[in-house]
Each structure stands twice: as structure tokens, then as C-alpha cells.
PDB file of all heavy atoms in Angstrom:
ATOM      1  N   ASP A   1    -166.094 129.696 209.714  1.00  0.00           N
ATOM      2  CA  ASP A   1    -166.055 131.084 210.102  1.00  0.00           C
ATOM      3  C   ASP A   1    -166.767 132.019 209.150  1.00  0.00           C
ATOM      4  O   ASP A   1    -166.257 133.089 208.763  1.00  0.00           O
ATOM      5  CB  ASP A   1    -164.589 131.541 210.259  1.00  0.00           C
ATOM      6  CG  ASP A   1    -163.853 130.786 211.363  1.00  0.00           C
ATOM      7  OD1 ASP A   1    -164.532 130.384 212.355  1.00  0.00           O
ATOM      8  OD2 ASP A   1    -162.627 130.588 211.225  1.00  0.00           O
ATOM      9  N   GLY A   2    -167.913 131.501 208.672  1.00  0.00           N
ATOM     10  CA  GLY A   2    -168.752 132.312 207.819  1.00  0.00           C
ATOM     11  C   GLY A   2    -168.317 132.357 206.338  1.00  0.00           C
ATOM     12  O   GLY A   2    -168.883 133.171 205.565  1.00  0.00           O
ATOM     13  N   LYS A   3    -167.319 131.568 206.005  1.00  0.00           N
ATOM     14  CA  LYS A   3    -166.798 131.549 204.619  1.00  0.00           C
ATOM     15  C   LYS A   3    -166.864 130.136 204.066  1.00  0.00           C
ATOM     16  O   LYS A   3    -166.539 129.154 204.722  1.00  0.00           O
ATOM     17  CB  LYS A   3    -165.345 132.034 204.615  1.00  0.00           C
ATOM     18  CG  LYS A   3    -164.717 132.117 203.240  1.00  0.00           C
ATOM     19  CD  LYS A   3    -163.263 132.584 203.326  1.00  0.00           C
ATOM     20  CE  LYS A   3    -162.609 132.580 201.996  1.00  0.00           C
ATOM     21  NZ  LYS A   3    -161.200 133.086 202.041  1.00  0.00           N
ATOM     22  N   LEU A   4    -167.295 130.045 202.770  1.00  0.00           N
ATOM     23  CA  LEU A   4    -167.360 128.698 202.075  1.00  0.00           C
ATOM     24  C   LEU A   4    -165.949 128.323 201.677  1.00  0.00           C
ATOM     25  O   LEU A   4    -165.302 129.006 200.902  1.00  0.00           O
ATOM     26  CB  LEU A   4    -168.265 128.790 200.877  1.00  0.00           C
ATOM     27  CG  LEU A   4    -168.546 127.416 200.226  1.00  0.00           C
ATOM     28  CD1 LEU A   4    -169.389 126.546 201.135  1.00  0.00           C
ATOM     29  CD2 LEU A   4    -169.282 127.642 198.869  1.00  0.00           C
ATOM     30  N   VAL A   5    -165.514 127.197 202.248  1.00  0.00           N
ATOM     31  CA  VAL A   5    -164.197 126.737 202.025  1.00  0.00           C
ATOM     32  C   VAL A   5    -164.271 125.399 201.208  1.00  0.00           C
ATOM     33  O   VAL A   5    -164.994 124.478 201.585  1.00  0.00           O
ATOM     34  CB  VAL A   5    -163.405 126.463 203.291  1.00  0.00           C
ATOM     35  CG1 VAL A   5    -162.040 125.873 203.031  1.00  0.00           C
ATOM     36  CG2 VAL A   5    -163.318 127.763 204.099  1.00  0.00           C
ATOM     37  N   GLU A   6    -163.537 125.364 200.096  1.00  0.00           N
ATOM     38  CA  GLU A   6    -163.502 124.154 199.253  1.00  0.00           C
ATOM     39  C   GLU A   6    -162.468 123.174 199.847  1.00  0.00           C
ATOM     40  O   GLU A   6    -161.454 123.540 200.396  1.00  0.00           O
ATOM     41  CB  GLU A   6    -163.109 124.523 197.834  1.00  0.00           C
ATOM     42  CG  GLU A   6    -164.044 125.451 197.111  1.00  0.00           C
ATOM     43  CD  GLU A   6    -165.273 124.741 196.536  1.00  0.00           C
ATOM     44  OE1 GLU A   6    -165.222 123.468 196.420  1.00  0.00           O
ATOM     45  OE2 GLU A   6    -166.239 125.421 196.281  1.00  0.00           O
ATOM     46  N   MET A   7    -162.776 121.928 199.669  1.00  0.00           N
ATOM     47  CA  MET A   7    -161.873 120.865 200.203  1.00  0.00           C
ATOM     48  C   MET A   7    -160.738 120.640 199.131  1.00  0.00           C
ATOM     49  O   MET A   7    -160.713 119.654 198.387  1.00  0.00           O
ATOM     50  CB  MET A   7    -162.600 119.548 200.434  1.00  0.00           C
ATOM     51  CG  MET A   7    -161.753 118.380 200.938  1.00  0.00           C
ATOM     52  SD  MET A   7    -160.958 118.711 202.531  1.00  0.00           S
ATOM     53  CE  MET A   7    -162.239 118.175 203.676  1.00  0.00           C
ATOM     54  N   GLU A   8    -159.862 121.679 199.063  1.00  0.00           N
ATOM     55  CA  GLU A   8    -158.745 121.684 198.137  1.00  0.00           C
ATOM     56  C   GLU A   8    -157.433 121.773 198.943  1.00  0.00           C
ATOM     57  O   GLU A   8    -157.332 122.653 199.800  1.00  0.00           O
ATOM     58  CB  GLU A   8    -158.833 122.797 197.147  1.00  0.00           C
ATOM     59  CG  GLU A   8    -160.090 122.787 196.295  1.00  0.00           C
ATOM     60  CD  GLU A   8    -160.295 124.075 195.470  1.00  0.00           C
ATOM     61  OE1 GLU A   8    -159.705 125.118 195.881  1.00  0.00           O
ATOM     62  OE2 GLU A   8    -160.934 123.996 194.419  1.00  0.00           O
ATOM     63  N   MET A   9    -156.508 120.902 198.652  1.00  0.00           N
ATOM     64  CA  MET A   9    -155.254 120.944 199.427  1.00  0.00           C
ATOM     65  C   MET A   9    -154.090 120.581 198.572  1.00  0.00           C
ATOM     66  O   MET A   9    -154.214 119.910 197.508  1.00  0.00           O
ATOM     67  CB  MET A   9    -155.355 120.052 200.648  1.00  0.00           C
ATOM     68  CG  MET A   9    -155.546 118.588 200.337  1.00  0.00           C
ATOM     69  SD  MET A   9    -155.938 117.628 201.829  1.00  0.00           S
ATOM     70  CE  MET A   9    -157.610 118.122 202.239  1.00  0.00           C
ATOM     71  N   GLU A  10    -152.895 120.981 199.019  1.00  0.00           N
ATOM     72  CA  GLU A  10    -151.650 120.687 198.292  1.00  0.00           C
ATOM     73  C   GLU A  10    -150.897 119.523 198.933  1.00  0.00           C
ATOM     74  O   GLU A  10    -150.916 119.320 200.111  1.00  0.00           O
ATOM     75  CB  GLU A  10    -150.718 121.886 198.282  1.00  0.00           C
ATOM     76  CG  GLU A  10    -151.273 123.081 197.465  1.00  0.00           C
ATOM     77  CD  GLU A  10    -150.246 124.180 197.397  1.00  0.00           C
ATOM     78  OE1 GLU A  10    -149.253 124.185 198.179  1.00  0.00           O
ATOM     79  OE2 GLU A  10    -150.452 125.117 196.516  1.00  0.00           O
ATOM     80  N   TYR A  11    -150.331 118.699 198.078  1.00  0.00           N
ATOM     81  CA  TYR A  11    -149.537 117.540 198.465  1.00  0.00           C
ATOM     82  C   TYR A  11    -148.120 117.777 197.991  1.00  0.00           C
ATOM     83  O   TYR A  11    -147.872 117.828 196.801  1.00  0.00           O
ATOM     84  CB  TYR A  11    -150.090 116.252 197.898  1.00  0.00           C
ATOM     85  CG  TYR A  11    -149.427 114.952 198.344  1.00  0.00           C
ATOM     86  CD1 TYR A  11    -150.175 114.031 199.046  1.00  0.00           C
ATOM     87  CD2 TYR A  11    -148.103 114.724 198.110  1.00  0.00           C
ATOM     88  CE1 TYR A  11    -149.594 112.825 199.458  1.00  0.00           C
ATOM     89  CE2 TYR A  11    -147.531 113.604 198.534  1.00  0.00           C
ATOM     90  CZ  TYR A  11    -148.219 112.616 199.178  1.00  0.00           C
ATOM     91  OH  TYR A  11    -147.658 111.459 199.614  1.00  0.00           O
ATOM     92  N   MET A  12    -147.171 118.028 198.911  1.00  0.00           N
ATOM     93  CA  MET A  12    -145.787 118.318 198.526  1.00  0.00           C
ATOM     94  C   MET A  12    -144.998 117.019 198.251  1.00  0.00           C
ATOM     95  O   MET A  12    -145.116 116.082 199.050  1.00  0.00           O
ATOM     96  CB  MET A  12    -145.089 119.085 199.627  1.00  0.00           C
ATOM     97  CG  MET A  12    -145.704 120.433 199.920  1.00  0.00           C
ATOM     98  SD  MET A  12    -144.741 121.481 201.027  1.00  0.00           S
ATOM     99  CE  MET A  12    -144.788 120.516 202.525  1.00  0.00           C
ATOM    100  N   VAL A  13    -144.239 117.038 197.166  1.00  0.00           N
ATOM    101  CA  VAL A  13    -143.416 115.861 196.814  1.00  0.00           C
ATOM    102  C   VAL A  13    -142.000 116.315 196.538  1.00  0.00           C
ATOM    103  O   VAL A  13    -141.753 117.445 196.116  1.00  0.00           O
ATOM    104  CB  VAL A  13    -144.037 115.114 195.618  1.00  0.00           C
ATOM    105  CG1 VAL A  13    -145.411 114.579 195.913  1.00  0.00           C
ATOM    106  CG2 VAL A  13    -144.017 115.957 194.333  1.00  0.00           C
ATOM    107  N   THR A  14    -141.054 115.341 196.681  1.00  0.00           N
ATOM    108  CA  THR A  14    -139.668 115.604 196.351  1.00  0.00           C
ATOM    109  C   THR A  14    -139.480 115.311 194.849  1.00  0.00           C
ATOM    110  O   THR A  14    -139.772 114.169 194.404  1.00  0.00           O
ATOM    111  CB  THR A  14    -138.745 114.694 197.159  1.00  0.00           C
ATOM    112  OG1 THR A  14    -138.961 114.973 198.545  1.00  0.00           O
ATOM    113  CG2 THR A  14    -137.300 114.970 196.841  1.00  0.00           C
ATOM    114  N   PRO A  15    -139.004 116.226 194.073  1.00  0.00           N
ATOM    115  CA  PRO A  15    -138.808 115.971 192.592  1.00  0.00           C
ATOM    116  C   PRO A  15    -137.835 114.840 192.368  1.00  0.00           C
ATOM    117  O   PRO A  15    -136.816 114.682 193.085  1.00  0.00           O
ATOM    118  CB  PRO A  15    -138.197 117.315 192.125  1.00  0.00           C
ATOM    119  CG  PRO A  15    -138.554 118.303 193.143  1.00  0.00           C
ATOM    120  CD  PRO A  15    -138.602 117.582 194.451  1.00  0.00           C
ATOM    121  N   GLY A  16    -138.169 114.029 191.364  1.00  0.00           N
ATOM    122  CA  GLY A  16    -137.247 112.951 190.950  1.00  0.00           C
ATOM    123  C   GLY A  16    -137.429 111.659 191.722  1.00  0.00           C
ATOM    124  O   GLY A  16    -136.830 110.618 191.394  1.00  0.00           O
ATOM    125  N   SER A  17    -138.252 111.635 192.782  1.00  0.00           N
ATOM    126  CA  SER A  17    -138.457 110.407 193.538  1.00  0.00           C
ATOM    127  C   SER A  17    -139.607 109.595 192.902  1.00  0.00           C
ATOM    128  O   SER A  17    -140.709 110.072 192.855  1.00  0.00           O
ATOM    129  CB  SER A  17    -138.806 110.721 195.000  1.00  0.00           C
ATOM    130  OG  SER A  17    -139.254 109.575 195.709  1.00  0.00           O
ATOM    131  N   ILE A  18    -139.290 108.417 192.468  1.00  0.00           N
ATOM    132  CA  ILE A  18    -140.278 107.533 191.836  1.00  0.00           C
ATOM    133  C   ILE A  18    -141.367 107.193 192.868  1.00  0.00           C
ATOM    134  O   ILE A  18    -142.552 107.200 192.571  1.00  0.00           O
ATOM    135  CB  ILE A  18    -139.619 106.212 191.317  1.00  0.00           C
ATOM    136  CG1 ILE A  18    -138.610 106.581 190.201  1.00  0.00           C
ATOM    137  CG2 ILE A  18    -140.666 105.258 190.816  1.00  0.00           C
ATOM    138  CD1 ILE A  18    -137.828 105.378 189.740  1.00  0.00           C
ATOM    139  N   PHE A  19    -140.924 106.880 194.086  1.00  0.00           N
ATOM    140  CA  PHE A  19    -141.888 106.478 195.097  1.00  0.00           C
ATOM    141  C   PHE A  19    -142.825 107.641 195.446  1.00  0.00           C
ATOM    142  O   PHE A  19    -144.023 107.521 195.510  1.00  0.00           O
ATOM    143  CB  PHE A  19    -141.168 106.027 196.359  1.00  0.00           C
ATOM    144  CG  PHE A  19    -142.090 105.921 197.579  1.00  0.00           C
ATOM    145  CD1 PHE A  19    -143.117 105.051 197.565  1.00  0.00           C
ATOM    146  CD2 PHE A  19    -141.841 106.638 198.682  1.00  0.00           C
ATOM    147  CE1 PHE A  19    -144.024 104.945 198.663  1.00  0.00           C
ATOM    148  CE2 PHE A  19    -142.667 106.566 199.794  1.00  0.00           C
ATOM    149  CZ  PHE A  19    -143.734 105.704 199.790  1.00  0.00           C
ATOM    150  N   ALA A  20    -142.202 108.839 195.671  1.00  0.00           N
ATOM    151  CA  ALA A  20    -143.029 110.042 196.036  1.00  0.00           C
ATOM    152  C   ALA A  20    -144.042 110.354 194.899  1.00  0.00           C
ATOM    153  O   ALA A  20    -145.204 110.690 195.205  1.00  0.00           O
ATOM    154  CB  ALA A  20    -142.114 111.235 196.280  1.00  0.00           C
ATOM    155  N   SER A  21    -143.614 110.215 193.698  1.00  0.00           N
ATOM    156  CA  SER A  21    -144.472 110.519 192.570  1.00  0.00           C
ATOM    157  C   SER A  21    -145.627 109.499 192.493  1.00  0.00           C
ATOM    158  O   SER A  21    -146.818 109.894 192.335  1.00  0.00           O
ATOM    159  CB  SER A  21    -143.686 110.494 191.251  1.00  0.00           C
ATOM    160  OG  SER A  21    -144.551 110.699 190.161  1.00  0.00           O
ATOM    161  N   THR A  22    -145.317 108.210 192.621  1.00  0.00           N
ATOM    162  CA  THR A  22    -146.330 107.199 192.579  1.00  0.00           C
ATOM    163  C   THR A  22    -147.352 107.349 193.672  1.00  0.00           C
ATOM    164  O   THR A  22    -148.568 107.311 193.460  1.00  0.00           O
ATOM    165  CB  THR A  22    -145.686 105.795 192.680  1.00  0.00           C
ATOM    166  OG1 THR A  22    -144.739 105.652 191.612  1.00  0.00           O
ATOM    167  CG2 THR A  22    -146.726 104.702 192.597  1.00  0.00           C
ATOM    168  N   LEU A  23    -146.866 107.593 194.931  1.00  0.00           N
ATOM    169  CA  LEU A  23    -147.714 107.717 196.069  1.00  0.00           C
ATOM    170  C   LEU A  23    -148.662 108.923 195.909  1.00  0.00           C
ATOM    171  O   LEU A  23    -149.895 108.815 196.134  1.00  0.00           O
ATOM    172  CB  LEU A  23    -146.889 107.884 197.338  1.00  0.00           C
ATOM    173  CG  LEU A  23    -147.646 108.178 198.620  1.00  0.00           C
ATOM    174  CD1 LEU A  23    -148.682 107.105 198.945  1.00  0.00           C
ATOM    175  CD2 LEU A  23    -146.703 108.396 199.758  1.00  0.00           C
ATOM    176  N   SER A  24    -148.118 110.042 195.484  1.00  0.00           N
ATOM    177  CA  SER A  24    -148.942 111.247 195.385  1.00  0.00           C
ATOM    178  C   SER A  24    -150.011 111.079 194.284  1.00  0.00           C
ATOM    179  O   SER A  24    -151.148 111.546 194.458  1.00  0.00           O
ATOM    180  CB  SER A  24    -148.065 112.470 195.071  1.00  0.00           C
ATOM    181  OG  SER A  24    -147.352 112.343 193.879  1.00  0.00           O
ATOM    182  N   GLU A  25    -149.681 110.448 193.198  1.00  0.00           N
ATOM    183  CA  GLU A  25    -150.667 110.270 192.110  1.00  0.00           C
ATOM    184  C   GLU A  25    -151.773 109.313 192.552  1.00  0.00           C
ATOM    185  O   GLU A  25    -152.944 109.518 192.240  1.00  0.00           O
ATOM    186  CB  GLU A  25    -149.976 109.723 190.901  1.00  0.00           C
ATOM    187  CG  GLU A  25    -149.062 110.698 190.186  1.00  0.00           C
ATOM    188  CD  GLU A  25    -149.861 111.848 189.576  1.00  0.00           C
ATOM    189  OE1 GLU A  25    -151.066 111.808 189.408  1.00  0.00           O
ATOM    190  OE2 GLU A  25    -149.178 112.863 189.199  1.00  0.00           O
ATOM    191  N   VAL A  26    -151.419 108.257 193.247  1.00  0.00           N
ATOM    192  CA  VAL A  26    -152.437 107.287 193.741  1.00  0.00           C
ATOM    193  C   VAL A  26    -153.352 107.967 194.751  1.00  0.00           C
ATOM    194  O   VAL A  26    -154.599 107.829 194.726  1.00  0.00           O
ATOM    195  CB  VAL A  26    -151.802 106.071 194.413  1.00  0.00           C
ATOM    196  CG1 VAL A  26    -152.794 105.212 195.117  1.00  0.00           C
ATOM    197  CG2 VAL A  26    -151.023 105.238 193.342  1.00  0.00           C
ATOM    198  N   MET A  27    -152.781 108.816 195.602  1.00  0.00           N
ATOM    199  CA  MET A  27    -153.629 109.566 196.582  1.00  0.00           C
ATOM    200  C   MET A  27    -154.476 110.585 195.894  1.00  0.00           C
ATOM    201  O   MET A  27    -155.695 110.752 196.266  1.00  0.00           O
ATOM    202  CB  MET A  27    -152.732 110.171 197.635  1.00  0.00           C
ATOM    203  CG  MET A  27    -153.546 110.859 198.719  1.00  0.00           C
ATOM    204  SD  MET A  27    -152.778 110.797 200.339  1.00  0.00           S
ATOM    205  CE  MET A  27    -154.141 111.428 201.358  1.00  0.00           C
TER     206      MET A  27
END
């Protein structure tokens, strides 16, 4: 739409979850 958009996005994680933390870091 006429604006330069960077491919930047947020990944939400549940605090304290080992699995969520590992997955988000790998991604």
C-alpha cells in the first residue's frame, strides 16, 4: 500500500515453559 514494510514479527510465548522457549528460539 505504498509503504515499505520490514519482515519483522512478534512470536508470543508463555513464560516459564521450557518447550515454548526452546521452540521460539529455534524458530
